[in-house]
Amino acid sequence: WEYAARGGRDMAKYPWGNPYIRNA
């Protein structure tokens, strides 16, 4: 589950990356 959630982004805080919960 954790590996899939990161989507290939090692050490990513969220599935979309780091570090925010809003987009631009």
PDB file of all heavy atoms in Angstrom:
ATOM      1  N   TRP A   1       0.836  -1.197   0.000  1.00  0.00           N
ATOM      2  CA  TRP A   1       0.000   0.000   0.000  1.00  0.00           C
ATOM      3  C   TRP A   1       0.875   1.253   0.000  1.00  0.00           C
ATOM      4  O   TRP A   1       0.646   2.177  -0.776  1.00  0.00           O
ATOM      5  CB  TRP A   1      -0.931  -0.003   1.211  1.00  0.00           C
ATOM      6  CG  TRP A   1      -1.963   1.077   1.121  1.00  0.00           C
ATOM      7  CD1 TRP A   1      -3.237   0.956   0.668  1.00  0.00           C
ATOM      8  CD2 TRP A   1      -1.768   2.470   1.424  1.00  0.00           C
ATOM      9  NE1 TRP A   1      -3.859   2.182   0.675  1.00  0.00           N
ATOM     10  CE2 TRP A   1      -2.981   3.132   1.134  1.00  0.00           C
ATOM     11  CE3 TRP A   1      -0.703   3.216   1.902  1.00  0.00           C
ATOM     12  CZ2 TRP A   1      -3.149   4.492   1.312  1.00  0.00           C
ATOM     13  CZ3 TRP A   1      -0.860   4.594   2.085  1.00  0.00           C
ATOM     14  CH2 TRP A   1      -2.077   5.216   1.791  1.00  0.00           C
ATOM     15  N   GLU A   2       1.885   1.299   0.868  1.00  0.00           N
ATOM     16  CA  GLU A   2       2.726   2.488   0.960  1.00  0.00           C
ATOM     17  C   GLU A   2       3.525   2.705  -0.317  1.00  0.00           C
ATOM     18  O   GLU A   2       3.662   3.833  -0.798  1.00  0.00           O
ATOM     19  CB  GLU A   2       3.668   2.365   2.160  1.00  0.00           C
ATOM     20  CG  GLU A   2       4.499   3.615   2.400  1.00  0.00           C
ATOM     21  CD  GLU A   2       5.297   3.564   3.692  1.00  0.00           C
ATOM     22  OE1 GLU A   2       4.792   2.989   4.684  1.00  0.00           O
ATOM     23  OE2 GLU A   2       6.424   4.102   3.711  1.00  0.00           O
ATOM     24  N   TYR A   3       4.040   1.620  -0.877  1.00  0.00           N
ATOM     25  CA  TYR A   3       4.799   1.709  -2.128  1.00  0.00           C
ATOM     26  C   TYR A   3       3.905   2.236  -3.248  1.00  0.00           C
ATOM     27  O   TYR A   3       4.305   3.126  -4.020  1.00  0.00           O
ATOM     28  CB  TYR A   3       5.345   0.328  -2.473  1.00  0.00           C
ATOM     29  CG  TYR A   3       6.068   0.228  -3.793  1.00  0.00           C
ATOM     30  CD1 TYR A   3       7.277   0.887  -4.012  1.00  0.00           C
ATOM     31  CD2 TYR A   3       5.550  -0.558  -4.832  1.00  0.00           C
ATOM     32  CE1 TYR A   3       7.944   0.776  -5.221  1.00  0.00           C
ATOM     33  CE2 TYR A   3       6.214  -0.671  -6.041  1.00  0.00           C
ATOM     34  CZ  TYR A   3       7.411  -0.004  -6.233  1.00  0.00           C
ATOM     35  OH  TYR A   3       8.073  -0.109  -7.434  1.00  0.00           O
ATOM     36  N   ALA A   4       2.678   1.706  -3.331  1.00  0.00           N
ATOM     37  CA  ALA A   4       1.747   2.148  -4.369  1.00  0.00           C
ATOM     38  C   ALA A   4       1.333   3.595  -4.155  1.00  0.00           C
ATOM     39  O   ALA A   4       1.188   4.361  -5.112  1.00  0.00           O
ATOM     40  CB  ALA A   4       0.520   1.241  -4.387  1.00  0.00           C
ATOM     41  N   ALA A   5       1.141   3.984  -2.892  1.00  0.00           N
ATOM     42  CA  ALA A   5       0.704   5.350  -2.586  1.00  0.00           C
ATOM     43  C   ALA A   5       1.736   6.368  -3.053  1.00  0.00           C
ATOM     44  O   ALA A   5       1.375   7.456  -3.521  1.00  0.00           O
ATOM     45  CB  ALA A   5       0.448   5.502  -1.093  1.00  0.00           C
ATOM     46  N   ARG A   6       2.998   6.057  -2.950  1.00  0.00           N
ATOM     47  CA  ARG A   6       4.046   7.009  -3.323  1.00  0.00           C
ATOM     48  C   ARG A   6       4.213   7.112  -4.842  1.00  0.00           C
ATOM     49  O   ARG A   6       4.830   8.063  -5.329  1.00  0.00           O
ATOM     50  CB  ARG A   6       5.360   6.624  -2.660  1.00  0.00           C
ATOM     51  CG  ARG A   6       5.258   6.735  -1.147  1.00  0.00           C
ATOM     52  CD  ARG A   6       6.571   6.547  -0.438  1.00  0.00           C
ATOM     53  NE  ARG A   6       6.385   6.745   0.997  1.00  0.00           N
ATOM     54  CZ  ARG A   6       7.346   6.701   1.898  1.00  0.00           C
ATOM     55  NH1 ARG A   6       8.594   6.473   1.510  1.00  0.00           N
ATOM     56  NH2 ARG A   6       7.096   6.884   3.165  1.00  0.00           N
ATOM     57  N   GLY A   7       3.678   6.160  -5.568  1.00  0.00           N
ATOM     58  CA  GLY A   7       3.672   6.279  -7.026  1.00  0.00           C
ATOM     59  C   GLY A   7       5.049   6.394  -7.654  1.00  0.00           C
ATOM     60  O   GLY A   7       5.211   7.068  -8.666  1.00  0.00           O
ATOM     61  N   GLY A   8       6.046   5.762  -7.047  1.00  0.00           N
ATOM     62  CA  GLY A   8       7.394   5.834  -7.599  1.00  0.00           C
ATOM     63  C   GLY A   8       8.216   7.001  -7.080  1.00  0.00           C
ATOM     64  O   GLY A   8       9.380   7.164  -7.454  1.00  0.00           O
ATOM     65  N   ARG A   9       7.633   7.820  -6.228  1.00  0.00           N
ATOM     66  CA  ARG A   9       8.350   8.966  -5.635  1.00  0.00           C
ATOM     67  C   ARG A   9       8.895   8.542  -4.269  1.00  0.00           C
ATOM     68  O   ARG A   9       8.195   8.605  -3.263  1.00  0.00           O
ATOM     69  CB  ARG A   9       7.425  10.170  -5.484  1.00  0.00           C
ATOM     70  CG  ARG A   9       6.861  10.701  -6.798  1.00  0.00           C
ATOM     71  CD  ARG A   9       5.789  11.745  -6.519  1.00  0.00           C
ATOM     72  NE  ARG A   9       5.195  12.247  -7.746  1.00  0.00           N
ATOM     73  CZ  ARG A   9       5.399  13.470  -8.244  1.00  0.00           C
ATOM     74  NH1 ARG A   9       6.202  14.311  -7.617  1.00  0.00           N
ATOM     75  NH2 ARG A   9       4.809  13.846  -9.351  1.00  0.00           N
ATOM     76  N   ASP A  10      10.128   8.111  -4.228  1.00  0.00           N
ATOM     77  CA  ASP A  10      10.713   7.627  -2.988  1.00  0.00           C
ATOM     78  C   ASP A  10      10.767   8.746  -1.952  1.00  0.00           C
ATOM     79  O   ASP A  10      11.157   9.876  -2.254  1.00  0.00           O
ATOM     80  CB  ASP A  10      12.118   7.081  -3.241  1.00  0.00           C
ATOM     81  CG  ASP A  10      12.625   6.233  -2.082  1.00  0.00           C
ATOM     82  OD1 ASP A  10      11.782   5.730  -1.311  1.00  0.00           O
ATOM     83  OD2 ASP A  10      13.853   6.066  -1.960  1.00  0.00           O
ATOM     84  N   MET A  11      10.342   8.430  -0.745  1.00  0.00           N
ATOM     85  CA  MET A  11      10.341   9.359   0.387  1.00  0.00           C
ATOM     86  C   MET A  11       9.333  10.503   0.222  1.00  0.00           C
ATOM     87  O   MET A  11       9.421  11.516   0.918  1.00  0.00           O
ATOM     88  CB  MET A  11      11.740   9.939   0.633  1.00  0.00           C
ATOM     89  CG  MET A  11      12.781   8.897   1.004  1.00  0.00           C
ATOM     90  SD  MET A  11      12.363   7.995   2.532  1.00  0.00           S
ATOM     91  CE  MET A  11      12.446   9.297   3.753  1.00  0.00           C
ATOM     92  N   ALA A  12       8.389  10.356  -0.693  1.00  0.00           N
ATOM     93  CA  ALA A  12       7.386  11.403  -0.876  1.00  0.00           C
ATOM     94  C   ALA A  12       6.458  11.462   0.329  1.00  0.00           C
ATOM     95  O   ALA A  12       5.994  10.435   0.837  1.00  0.00           O
ATOM     96  CB  ALA A  12       6.576  11.147  -2.143  1.00  0.00           C
ATOM     97  N   LYS A  13       6.162  12.661   0.769  1.00  0.00           N
ATOM     98  CA  LYS A  13       5.304  12.848   1.938  1.00  0.00           C
ATOM     99  C   LYS A  13       3.852  12.521   1.614  1.00  0.00           C
ATOM    100  O   LYS A  13       3.127  11.959   2.449  1.00  0.00           O
ATOM    101  CB  LYS A  13       5.427  14.292   2.427  1.00  0.00           C
ATOM    102  CG  LYS A  13       4.636  14.600   3.692  1.00  0.00           C
ATOM    103  CD  LYS A  13       4.890  16.042   4.139  1.00  0.00           C
ATOM    104  CE  LYS A  13       4.107  16.384   5.395  1.00  0.00           C
ATOM    105  NZ  LYS A  13       4.368  17.775   5.850  1.00  0.00           N
ATOM    106  N   TYR A  14       3.421  12.885   0.406  1.00  0.00           N
ATOM    107  CA  TYR A  14       2.069  12.618  -0.057  1.00  0.00           C
ATOM    108  C   TYR A  14       2.139  11.922  -1.416  1.00  0.00           C
ATOM    109  O   TYR A  14       3.175  11.953  -2.086  1.00  0.00           O
ATOM    110  CB  TYR A  14       1.280  13.921  -0.196  1.00  0.00           C
ATOM    111  CG  TYR A  14       1.140  14.709   1.089  1.00  0.00           C
ATOM    112  CD1 TYR A  14       1.803  15.932   1.250  1.00  0.00           C
ATOM    113  CD2 TYR A  14       0.336  14.252   2.126  1.00  0.00           C
ATOM    114  CE1 TYR A  14       1.666  16.665   2.429  1.00  0.00           C
ATOM    115  CE2 TYR A  14       0.204  14.986   3.302  1.00  0.00           C
ATOM    116  CZ  TYR A  14       0.876  16.179   3.449  1.00  0.00           C
ATOM    117  OH  TYR A  14       0.754  16.900   4.607  1.00  0.00           O
ATOM    118  N   PRO A  15       1.050  11.314  -1.867  1.00  0.00           N
ATOM    119  CA  PRO A  15       1.067  10.650  -3.178  1.00  0.00           C
ATOM    120  C   PRO A  15       1.406  11.583  -4.336  1.00  0.00           C
ATOM    121  O   PRO A  15       1.888  11.132  -5.378  1.00  0.00           O
ATOM    122  CB  PRO A  15      -0.368  10.115  -3.313  1.00  0.00           C
ATOM    123  CG  PRO A  15      -0.820   9.904  -1.907  1.00  0.00           C
ATOM    124  CD  PRO A  15      -0.206  11.029  -1.125  1.00  0.00           C
ATOM    125  N   TRP A  16       1.135  12.870  -4.171  1.00  0.00           N
ATOM    126  CA  TRP A  16       1.443  13.832  -5.237  1.00  0.00           C
ATOM    127  C   TRP A  16       2.824  14.453  -5.067  1.00  0.00           C
ATOM    128  O   TRP A  16       3.239  15.255  -5.888  1.00  0.00           O
ATOM    129  CB  TRP A  16       0.381  14.928  -5.276  1.00  0.00           C
ATOM    130  CG  TRP A  16       0.132  15.555  -3.934  1.00  0.00           C
ATOM    131  CD1 TRP A  16       0.817  16.578  -3.348  1.00  0.00           C
ATOM    132  CD2 TRP A  16      -0.880  15.181  -2.988  1.00  0.00           C
ATOM    133  NE1 TRP A  16       0.311  16.867  -2.105  1.00  0.00           N
ATOM    134  CE2 TRP A  16      -0.740  16.017  -1.853  1.00  0.00           C
ATOM    135  CE3 TRP A  16      -1.890  14.207  -2.983  1.00  0.00           C
ATOM    136  CZ2 TRP A  16      -1.582  15.915  -0.742  1.00  0.00           C
ATOM    137  CZ3 TRP A  16      -2.714  14.113  -1.877  1.00  0.00           C
ATOM    138  CH2 TRP A  16      -2.560  14.960  -0.777  1.00  0.00           C
ATOM    139  N   GLY A  17       3.530  14.121  -3.990  1.00  0.00           N
ATOM    140  CA  GLY A  17       4.875  14.664  -3.787  1.00  0.00           C
ATOM    141  C   GLY A  17       4.977  15.444  -2.484  1.00  0.00           C
ATOM    142  O   GLY A  17       4.306  15.138  -1.496  1.00  0.00           O
ATOM    143  N   ASN A  18       5.801  16.447  -2.483  1.00  0.00           N
ATOM    144  CA  ASN A  18       6.058  17.267  -1.284  1.00  0.00           C
ATOM    145  C   ASN A  18       5.834  18.741  -1.607  1.00  0.00           C
ATOM    146  O   ASN A  18       5.966  19.145  -2.755  1.00  0.00           O
ATOM    147  CB  ASN A  18       7.508  17.085  -0.821  1.00  0.00           C
ATOM    148  CG  ASN A  18       7.790  15.678  -0.351  1.00  0.00           C
ATOM    149  OD1 ASN A  18       6.979  15.043   0.312  1.00  0.00           O
ATOM    150  ND2 ASN A  18       8.955  15.169  -0.710  1.00  0.00           N
ATOM    151  N   PRO A  19       5.673  19.577  -0.598  1.00  0.00           N
ATOM    152  CA  PRO A  19       5.293  19.254   0.780  1.00  0.00           C
ATOM    153  C   PRO A  19       3.888  19.745   1.103  1.00  0.00           C
ATOM    154  O   PRO A  19       3.472  19.708   2.249  1.00  0.00           O
ATOM    155  CB  PRO A  19       6.326  20.042   1.597  1.00  0.00           C
ATOM    156  CG  PRO A  19       6.490  21.319   0.808  1.00  0.00           C
ATOM    157  CD  PRO A  19       6.258  20.958  -0.647  1.00  0.00           C
ATOM    158  N   TYR A  20       3.142  20.219   0.041  1.00  0.00           N
ATOM    159  CA  TYR A  20       1.900  20.949   0.300  1.00  0.00           C
ATOM    160  C   TYR A  20       0.665  20.092   0.041  1.00  0.00           C
ATOM    161  O   TYR A  20       0.717  19.057  -0.647  1.00  0.00           O
ATOM    162  CB  TYR A  20       1.836  22.207  -0.568  1.00  0.00           C
ATOM    163  CG  TYR A  20       3.033  23.123  -0.381  1.00  0.00           C
ATOM    164  CD1 TYR A  20       3.980  23.293  -1.390  1.00  0.00           C
ATOM    165  CD2 TYR A  20       3.227  23.791   0.827  1.00  0.00           C
ATOM    166  CE1 TYR A  20       5.077  24.117  -1.214  1.00  0.00           C
ATOM    167  CE2 TYR A  20       4.316  24.621   1.018  1.00  0.00           C
ATOM    168  CZ  TYR A  20       5.253  24.777  -0.002  1.00  0.00           C
ATOM    169  OH  TYR A  20       6.349  25.589   0.186  1.00  0.00           O
ATOM    170  N   ILE A  21      -0.476  20.553   0.580  1.00  0.00           N
ATOM    171  CA  ILE A  21      -1.740  19.860   0.372  1.00  0.00           C
ATOM    172  C   ILE A  21      -2.660  20.633  -0.577  1.00  0.00           C
ATOM    173  O   ILE A  21      -3.795  20.242  -0.801  1.00  0.00           O
ATOM    174  CB  ILE A  21      -2.462  19.619   1.708  1.00  0.00           C
ATOM    175  CG1 ILE A  21      -2.634  20.934   2.459  1.00  0.00           C
ATOM    176  CG2 ILE A  21      -1.715  18.595   2.540  1.00  0.00           C
ATOM    177  CD1 ILE A  21      -3.408  20.803   3.755  1.00  0.00           C
ATOM    178  N   ARG A  22      -2.144  21.736  -1.135  1.00  0.00           N
ATOM    179  CA  ARG A  22      -2.855  22.502  -2.169  1.00  0.00           C
ATOM    180  C   ARG A  22      -1.965  22.617  -3.398  1.00  0.00           C
ATOM    181  O   ARG A  22      -0.737  22.581  -3.287  1.00  0.00           O
ATOM    182  CB  ARG A  22      -3.201  23.909  -1.670  1.00  0.00           C
ATOM    183  CG  ARG A  22      -4.153  23.975  -0.496  1.00  0.00           C
ATOM    184  CD  ARG A  22      -4.365  25.419  -0.053  1.00  0.00           C
ATOM    185  NE  ARG A  22      -5.198  25.537   1.127  1.00  0.00           N
ATOM    186  CZ  ARG A  22      -6.516  25.730   1.097  1.00  0.00           C
ATOM    187  NH1 ARG A  22      -7.133  25.853  -0.068  1.00  0.00           N
ATOM    188  NH2 ARG A  22      -7.198  25.826   2.220  1.00  0.00           N
ATOM    189  N   ASN A  23      -2.585  22.751  -4.554  1.00  0.00           N
ATOM    190  CA  ASN A  23      -1.792  22.964  -5.762  1.00  0.00           C
ATOM    191  C   ASN A  23      -1.516  24.465  -5.947  1.00  0.00           C
ATOM    192  O   ASN A  23      -1.860  25.290  -5.098  1.00  0.00           O
ATOM    193  CB  ASN A  23      -2.478  22.360  -6.990  1.00  0.00           C
ATOM    194  CG  ASN A  23      -3.827  23.006  -7.292  1.00  0.00           C
ATOM    195  OD1 ASN A  23      -4.154  24.094  -6.802  1.00  0.00           O
ATOM    196  ND2 ASN A  23      -4.620  22.345  -8.127  1.00  0.00           N
ATOM    197  N   ALA A  24      -0.903  24.826  -7.072  1.00  0.00           N
ATOM    198  CA  ALA A  24      -0.510  26.219  -7.297  1.00  0.00           C
ATOM    199  C   ALA A  24      -1.706  27.161  -7.378  1.00  0.00           C
ATOM    200  O   ALA A  24      -1.567  28.370  -7.151  1.00  0.00           O
ATOM    201  CB  ALA A  24       0.309  26.311  -8.587  1.00  0.00           C
TER     202      ALA A  24
END
